[in-house]
Protein backbone atom coordinates (compact mmCIF):
# COMPACT_ATOMS: atom_id res chain seq x y z
CA MET A 1 64.35 -23.83 23.55
CA LYS A 2 61.57 -23.49 26.14
CA LYS A 3 61.50 -19.76 25.53
CA PHE A 4 61.38 -20.32 21.77
CA LEU A 5 58.55 -22.85 22.08
CA SER A 6 56.62 -20.50 24.36
CA ILE A 7 56.92 -17.67 21.83
CA MET A 8 55.82 -19.98 18.98
CA LEU A 9 52.88 -21.28 20.99
CA ALA A 10 51.76 -17.77 21.93
CA SER A 11 52.04 -16.65 18.30
CA ALA A 12 50.05 -19.63 17.10
CA MET A 13 47.37 -19.00 19.70
CA ALA A 14 47.18 -15.33 18.75
CA LEU A 15 46.93 -16.21 15.06
CA THR A 16 44.24 -18.77 15.80
CA MET A 17 42.28 -16.27 17.85
CA LEU A 18 42.61 -13.60 15.15
CA THR A 19 41.58 -15.78 12.24
CA GLY A 20 39.05 -17.62 14.37
CA CYS A 21 37.49 -14.36 15.44
CA GLY A 22 37.35 -13.08 11.88
CA GLY A 23 36.05 -16.40 10.61
CA SER A 24 33.54 -16.54 13.40
CA LYS A 25 32.10 -13.15 12.47
CA ALA A 26 31.71 -14.13 8.86
CA GLY A 27 30.28 -17.46 9.89
CA GLU A 28 27.87 -15.76 12.26
CA ALA A 29 26.67 -13.40 9.53
CA ASP A 30 26.14 -16.31 7.14
CA ALA A 31 24.48 -18.32 9.87
CA GLN A 32 22.17 -15.46 10.78
CA THR A 33 21.09 -15.12 7.15
CA ASP A 34 20.48 -18.86 6.94
CA ILE A 35 18.68 -18.93 10.26
CA LYS A 36 16.34 -16.15 9.25
CA VAL A 37 15.21 -18.20 6.26
CA ALA A 38 15.33 -21.67 7.87
CA ASP A 39 14.03 -20.94 11.35
CA ASN A 40 10.76 -19.38 12.42
CA VAL A 41 10.24 -15.69 11.83
CA LYS A 42 7.25 -13.92 13.36
CA ILE A 43 5.78 -10.87 11.70
CA GLY A 44 2.70 -8.77 12.29
CA ILE A 45 0.41 -7.76 9.44
CA ALA A 46 -1.76 -4.83 10.48
CA GLN A 47 -4.49 -3.85 8.00
CA PHE A 48 -6.44 -0.63 8.42
CA ALA A 49 -9.76 -1.59 6.85
CA PRO A 50 -11.52 -4.61 5.34
CA HIS A 51 -11.86 -3.98 1.62
CA GLY A 52 -10.76 -5.71 -1.55
CA SER A 53 -7.70 -3.71 -2.50
CA LEU A 54 -6.13 -3.97 0.95
CA ASP A 55 -7.03 -7.66 1.14
CA ASN A 56 -5.17 -8.10 -2.16
CA CYS A 57 -2.18 -6.25 -0.70
CA VAL A 58 -1.97 -8.76 2.12
CA GLU A 59 -2.33 -11.70 -0.26
CA GLY A 60 0.40 -10.32 -2.52
CA PHE A 61 2.62 -9.59 0.48
CA LYS A 62 2.48 -13.24 1.54
CA GLN A 63 3.27 -14.30 -2.03
CA GLY A 64 6.29 -11.98 -2.14
CA LEU A 65 7.59 -13.41 1.13
CA ALA A 66 7.02 -16.98 -0.07
CA GLU A 67 8.99 -16.32 -3.24
CA ALA A 68 11.87 -15.19 -1.01
CA GLY A 69 11.70 -18.35 1.11
CA TYR A 70 9.40 -17.29 3.96
CA VAL A 71 6.36 -19.57 3.92
CA GLU A 72 3.54 -19.26 6.42
CA GLY A 73 3.14 -22.46 8.42
CA GLU A 74 6.67 -23.62 7.63
CA ASN A 75 9.20 -21.03 8.76
CA LEU A 76 6.90 -18.02 9.09
CA GLU A 77 4.34 -17.15 11.76
CA ILE A 78 1.95 -14.29 11.04
CA ASP A 79 -0.14 -12.30 13.49
CA PHE A 80 -2.82 -10.70 11.29
CA GLN A 81 -5.08 -7.99 12.71
CA ASN A 82 -7.59 -5.65 11.05
CA ALA A 83 -8.44 -2.26 12.56
CA GLN A 84 -11.87 -2.16 10.87
CA ALA A 85 -11.20 1.46 9.80
CA ASP A 86 -11.20 2.54 13.46
CA MET A 87 -8.37 4.92 14.35
CA ALA A 88 -8.39 3.83 18.01
CA ASN A 89 -7.90 0.24 16.88
CA THR A 90 -4.88 1.14 14.75
CA ASN A 91 -2.95 2.38 17.77
CA GLN A 92 -3.96 -0.59 19.90
CA ILE A 93 -2.95 -3.10 17.21
CA ALA A 94 0.39 -1.39 16.57
CA GLN A 95 1.23 -1.29 20.27
CA SER A 96 0.28 -4.94 20.74
CA MET A 97 2.58 -6.02 17.91
CA VAL A 98 5.45 -4.04 19.39
CA ALA A 99 4.76 -5.68 22.76
CA GLU A 100 4.91 -9.08 21.05
CA ASN A 101 8.37 -8.09 19.79
CA VAL A 102 7.64 -9.38 16.29
CA ASP A 103 10.53 -9.40 13.83
CA LEU A 104 8.77 -7.00 11.45
CA ILE A 105 5.45 -5.20 11.05
CA CYS A 106 3.73 -4.94 7.68
CA ALA A 107 1.35 -1.97 7.91
CA VAL A 108 -1.36 -1.81 5.26
CA ALA A 109 -2.68 1.69 4.38
CA THR A 110 -1.59 5.11 5.59
CA PRO A 111 -3.32 5.36 9.01
CA MET A 112 -2.03 1.92 9.99
CA ALA A 113 1.47 2.73 8.75
CA GLN A 114 1.60 5.92 10.81
CA ALA A 115 0.37 4.11 13.91
CA ALA A 116 2.92 1.30 13.48
CA TYR A 117 5.75 3.77 12.87
CA ASN A 118 4.88 5.73 16.01
CA ALA A 119 4.53 2.61 18.14
CA ALA A 120 7.72 0.92 16.92
CA GLN A 121 9.90 4.03 17.39
CA GLY A 122 12.58 2.47 15.21
CA LYS A 123 12.95 -0.62 17.40
CA ILE A 124 11.10 -2.91 14.97
CA PRO A 125 11.21 -2.57 11.16
CA VAL A 126 7.96 -1.27 9.66
CA ILE A 127 7.30 -2.14 6.02
CA TYR A 128 4.23 -0.30 4.77
CA THR A 129 2.11 -0.76 1.68
CA ALA A 130 -0.82 1.07 0.05
CA VAL A 131 0.48 4.43 1.30
CA THR A 132 -0.27 6.96 -1.42
CA ASP A 133 2.16 9.67 -0.31
CA PRO A 134 4.83 8.43 2.14
CA VAL A 135 6.47 11.87 2.24
CA ALA A 136 3.25 13.67 3.21
CA ALA A 137 2.58 10.92 5.76
CA GLU A 138 6.06 11.61 7.23
CA LEU A 139 7.16 8.04 6.54
CA ALA A 140 9.87 9.04 4.05
CA LYS A 141 12.15 11.95 3.25
CA GLU A 142 11.71 14.19 0.22
CA ASP A 143 14.29 12.16 -1.72
CA GLY A 144 12.31 8.95 -1.10
CA SER A 145 14.70 7.50 1.46
CA GLY A 146 13.27 5.88 4.55
CA VAL A 147 13.10 7.24 8.08
CA GLY A 148 13.12 5.54 11.47
CA ASN A 149 13.57 1.92 10.37
CA ALA A 150 10.67 2.09 7.92
CA THR A 151 10.15 1.72 4.17
CA GLY A 152 7.54 0.27 1.83
CA THR A 153 5.46 0.80 -1.27
CA SER A 154 3.22 3.58 -2.50
CA ASP A 155 -0.08 3.13 -4.33
CA LYS A 156 0.13 6.60 -5.81
CA LEU A 157 -2.73 7.22 -8.18
CA ALA A 158 -2.21 7.79 -11.89
CA VAL A 159 -4.14 11.06 -11.61
CA GLU A 160 -3.30 12.50 -15.01
CA ALA A 161 -4.06 9.22 -16.78
CA GLN A 162 -7.35 9.06 -14.85
CA LEU A 163 -8.39 12.56 -15.90
CA GLU A 164 -7.47 11.84 -19.51
CA MET A 165 -9.53 8.65 -19.38
CA ILE A 166 -12.56 10.42 -17.89
CA ARG A 167 -12.40 13.06 -20.62
CA LYS A 168 -12.51 10.34 -23.28
CA PHE A 169 -15.46 8.61 -21.62
CA GLN A 170 -17.34 11.89 -21.10
CA PRO A 171 -16.32 14.51 -23.70
CA ASP A 172 -18.90 17.03 -22.43
CA ALA A 173 -18.36 16.65 -18.67
CA LYS A 174 -17.37 19.76 -16.73
CA THR A 175 -17.26 18.74 -13.07
CA VAL A 176 -15.59 15.81 -11.31
CA GLY A 177 -16.63 15.09 -7.73
CA ILE A 178 -14.34 13.56 -5.11
CA LEU A 179 -15.44 12.30 -1.69
CA TYR A 180 -12.63 11.93 0.84
CA THR A 181 -11.76 11.64 4.52
CA THR A 182 -10.20 14.84 5.81
CA SER A 183 -7.93 12.99 8.26
CA GLU A 184 -6.35 10.74 5.61
CA ALA A 185 -3.10 12.33 4.40
CA ASN A 186 -3.09 10.19 1.27
CA SER A 187 -6.49 11.57 0.22
CA VAL A 188 -5.56 15.19 0.90
CA SER A 189 -2.44 14.94 -1.28
CA ALA A 190 -4.39 13.19 -4.06
CA ILE A 191 -7.00 15.99 -4.07
CA GLU A 192 -4.26 18.57 -4.48
CA GLU A 193 -2.86 16.72 -7.47
CA TYR A 194 -6.31 16.44 -9.04
CA LYS A 195 -6.78 20.18 -8.63
CA SER A 196 -3.38 21.00 -10.13
CA LEU A 197 -4.10 18.95 -13.27
CA ALA A 198 -7.85 19.41 -13.74
CA ASP A 199 -7.59 22.58 -15.86
CA ASN A 200 -5.46 20.72 -18.41
CA TYR A 201 -8.48 18.57 -19.21
CA GLY A 202 -11.20 21.19 -18.83
CA PHE A 203 -12.50 19.95 -15.48
CA GLU A 204 -13.48 21.59 -12.21
CA ILE A 205 -12.88 19.45 -9.11
CA VAL A 206 -15.72 19.52 -6.58
CA GLU A 207 -14.58 18.01 -3.29
CA SER A 208 -16.56 16.86 -0.29
CA GLY A 209 -14.79 16.00 2.97
CA ILE A 210 -16.10 13.66 5.64
CA SER A 211 -14.74 12.72 9.06
CA GLN A 212 -16.32 9.29 9.54
CA SER A 213 -18.24 6.64 7.62
CA ALA A 214 -21.53 7.79 9.13
CA ASP A 215 -21.16 11.03 7.14
CA ILE A 216 -21.00 9.25 3.78
CA PRO A 217 -24.69 8.75 2.85
CA MET A 218 -25.60 12.44 3.10
CA ALA A 219 -22.29 13.68 1.65
CA ALA A 220 -22.43 11.23 -1.27
CA ALA A 221 -26.01 12.18 -2.19
CA ASP A 222 -25.19 15.88 -2.03
CA LEU A 223 -22.01 15.50 -4.10
CA ALA A 224 -23.68 13.33 -6.75
CA SER A 225 -26.34 16.00 -7.29
CA LYS A 226 -23.70 18.64 -8.14
CA VAL A 227 -21.30 16.92 -10.56
CA ASP A 228 -21.13 15.12 -13.90
CA CYS A 229 -19.19 12.17 -12.48
CA ILE A 230 -17.27 11.04 -9.41
CA SER A 231 -13.66 9.86 -9.31
CA ASN A 232 -13.07 7.70 -6.27
CA LEU A 233 -9.73 7.67 -4.47
CA THR A 234 -8.07 4.91 -2.47
CA ASP A 235 -9.49 6.62 0.61
CA ASN A 236 -9.93 3.75 3.08
CA THR A 237 -13.07 5.01 4.81
CA VAL A 238 -14.85 5.82 1.55
CA VAL A 239 -13.82 2.58 -0.15
CA SER A 240 -15.16 0.62 2.81
CA SER A 241 -18.56 2.24 2.07
CA LEU A 242 -18.31 2.13 -1.72
CA PRO A 243 -21.82 0.64 -2.20
CA VAL A 244 -23.28 3.75 -0.53
CA LEU A 245 -21.41 6.03 -2.93
CA LEU A 246 -22.42 3.90 -5.93
CA ASP A 247 -26.09 4.04 -4.90
CA ALA A 248 -25.98 7.83 -4.62
CA ALA A 249 -24.38 8.09 -8.07
CA LYS A 250 -26.91 5.66 -9.55
CA ASN A 251 -29.80 7.75 -8.21
CA ALA A 252 -28.22 10.82 -9.81
CA GLY A 253 -27.58 8.99 -13.10
CA ILE A 254 -23.82 9.61 -13.11
CA PRO A 255 -20.80 7.27 -13.31
CA VAL A 256 -18.23 6.60 -10.61
CA TYR A 257 -14.66 5.98 -11.78
CA GLY A 258 -12.57 3.82 -9.47
CA SER A 259 -8.90 4.04 -8.64
CA GLU A 260 -8.07 0.33 -8.81
CA ILE A 261 -9.42 -2.94 -10.15
CA GLU A 262 -11.43 -4.05 -7.10
CA GLN A 263 -13.49 -0.88 -7.17
CA VAL A 264 -14.34 -1.53 -10.82
CA LYS A 265 -15.29 -5.13 -10.06
CA ASN A 266 -17.63 -3.77 -7.38
CA GLY A 267 -19.48 -1.36 -9.66
CA CYS A 268 -17.32 1.59 -10.75
CA VAL A 269 -17.33 1.98 -14.53
CA ALA A 270 -13.59 2.16 -15.21
CA THR A 271 -10.15 3.06 -13.88
CA GLU A 272 -6.59 3.72 -14.91
CA GLY A 273 -5.44 1.79 -11.89
CA LEU A 274 -2.99 -0.63 -10.38
CA ASP A 275 -3.10 -4.25 -9.32
CA TYR A 276 -2.82 -4.46 -5.54
CA ILE A 277 -1.64 -8.07 -5.53
CA SER A 278 1.39 -6.95 -7.55
CA LEU A 279 1.91 -4.08 -5.11
CA GLY A 280 1.77 -6.51 -2.19
CA LYS A 281 4.26 -8.88 -3.81
CA GLN A 282 6.67 -5.99 -4.33
CA THR A 283 6.28 -5.12 -0.63
CA GLY A 284 6.87 -8.72 0.42
CA ALA A 285 10.13 -8.79 -1.52
CA MET A 286 11.24 -5.63 0.31
CA ALA A 287 10.31 -7.16 3.67
CA ALA A 288 12.40 -10.24 2.86
CA ARG A 289 15.43 -8.02 2.27
CA VAL A 290 14.96 -6.47 5.70
CA LEU A 291 14.53 -9.88 7.37
CA GLN A 292 17.81 -10.90 5.74
CA GLY A 293 19.70 -8.01 7.27
CA GLU A 294 19.20 -4.83 5.25
CA ALA A 295 18.23 -1.75 7.22
CA ALA A 296 14.71 -0.65 6.30
CA GLU A 297 15.61 3.04 6.15
CA SER A 298 18.37 2.28 3.65
CA ILE A 299 15.76 1.11 1.10
CA PRO A 300 13.87 3.95 -0.65
CA PHE A 301 10.11 3.50 -0.90
CA GLU A 302 8.92 2.08 -4.21
CA THR A 303 5.91 2.65 -6.45
CA ILE A 304 4.11 0.66 -9.12
CA SER A 305 4.87 2.30 -12.45
CA GLU A 306 2.58 0.20 -14.65
CA TYR A 307 -1.13 0.97 -14.72
CA SER A 308 -3.89 -0.70 -16.69
CA LEU A 309 -7.30 0.36 -17.98
CA TYR A 310 -9.98 -1.76 -16.33
CA ILE A 311 -13.66 -1.46 -17.28
CA ASN A 312 -16.97 -2.81 -16.03
CA SER A 313 -19.12 -3.22 -19.16
CA GLU A 314 -22.25 -3.98 -17.14
CA ALA A 315 -21.90 -0.79 -15.09
CA LEU A 316 -21.26 1.22 -18.26
CA ALA A 317 -24.29 -0.25 -20.02
CA ALA A 318 -26.53 0.56 -17.04
CA LEU A 319 -25.72 4.24 -17.65
CA GLY A 320 -25.99 4.01 -21.43
CA MET A 321 -22.24 4.35 -21.78
CA ASP A 322 -19.62 2.40 -23.69
CA CYS A 323 -15.84 2.21 -23.73
CA PRO A 324 -14.44 4.69 -26.29
CA GLU A 325 -13.19 3.02 -29.47
CA ASP A 326 -9.62 4.24 -29.06
CA LEU A 327 -9.46 2.65 -25.58
CA LYS A 328 -11.08 -0.71 -26.32
CA ALA A 329 -7.93 -2.40 -27.59
CA ASN A 330 -6.15 -1.98 -24.24
CA ALA A 331 -9.16 -2.23 -21.93
CA LEU A 332 -9.41 -5.20 -19.56
CA GLU A 333 -12.75 -6.41 -18.29
CA ALA A 334 -12.35 -6.26 -14.52
CA ALA A 335 -14.72 -9.14 -13.87
CA GLU A 336 -12.59 -11.42 -16.07
CA THR A 337 -9.30 -10.82 -14.24
CA GLU A 338 -9.89 -13.23 -11.37
């Protein structure tokens, strides 16, 4: 009987350990998911430059996280830092966030995303946003899948729609100027796409590369004197000095077309562009998935597929221009979209 009871007791203990172990793992997984929403999570938001579109990305990112249950001041702590368009600052900020051992880094714009990716070395998830070409920036594979614990969203320009729009605004224009920073991978890839499509709309692309913001006044004045209009990219250095570019174009009597709504609000005449708050919200939703346990590299990068025509009627009128009749029905006044 003693032997029988010993065998039964051992069997019961083994069964308890087996089911308890299995139940414990499931319980731990559930608990971890709950904890990540209920308890404090600390993330770093690293922004490359201070301008409207990137500011909107950050605002949208916070909204996307909040919709997923991560609310700043309640269960979310955010370390926000801005590199002020200084490449040395991007590396310092990225390294400091890794040293803090934050749960996740949101990197805003291509140079910041590359710095965060290099600093994290896969140890901390990097969720990027406002990266025009993640593949060219070596943040994603050719098939769109992530690399090294990183993923995010692309603000790829609607280049063909932009060229088509410019042709409708300026039927007789021949040359489109583009000012860009030679070290920004997103700008280089955008220029190549402009060049590949320009002939389809009867345009010649005239490019002017700069290395730093101090180069912009002279380069902008020179470019404006050679072209019929300028199409501005999401180039962070140039956008940060947009008033300088707009002044050069004004002196030459030519329009500047923006690449997103904030640029049009600030004086560009029109754009076939995206809404960066929506882009940020989409990024925040992706970050929430990673915080809840998904591997960043298992989530392909995403893009905004819907673009809108935004116009600045005051800027158009100053140049004696108007929105073409066939575009007016779908045009949104940028200043009225607050």
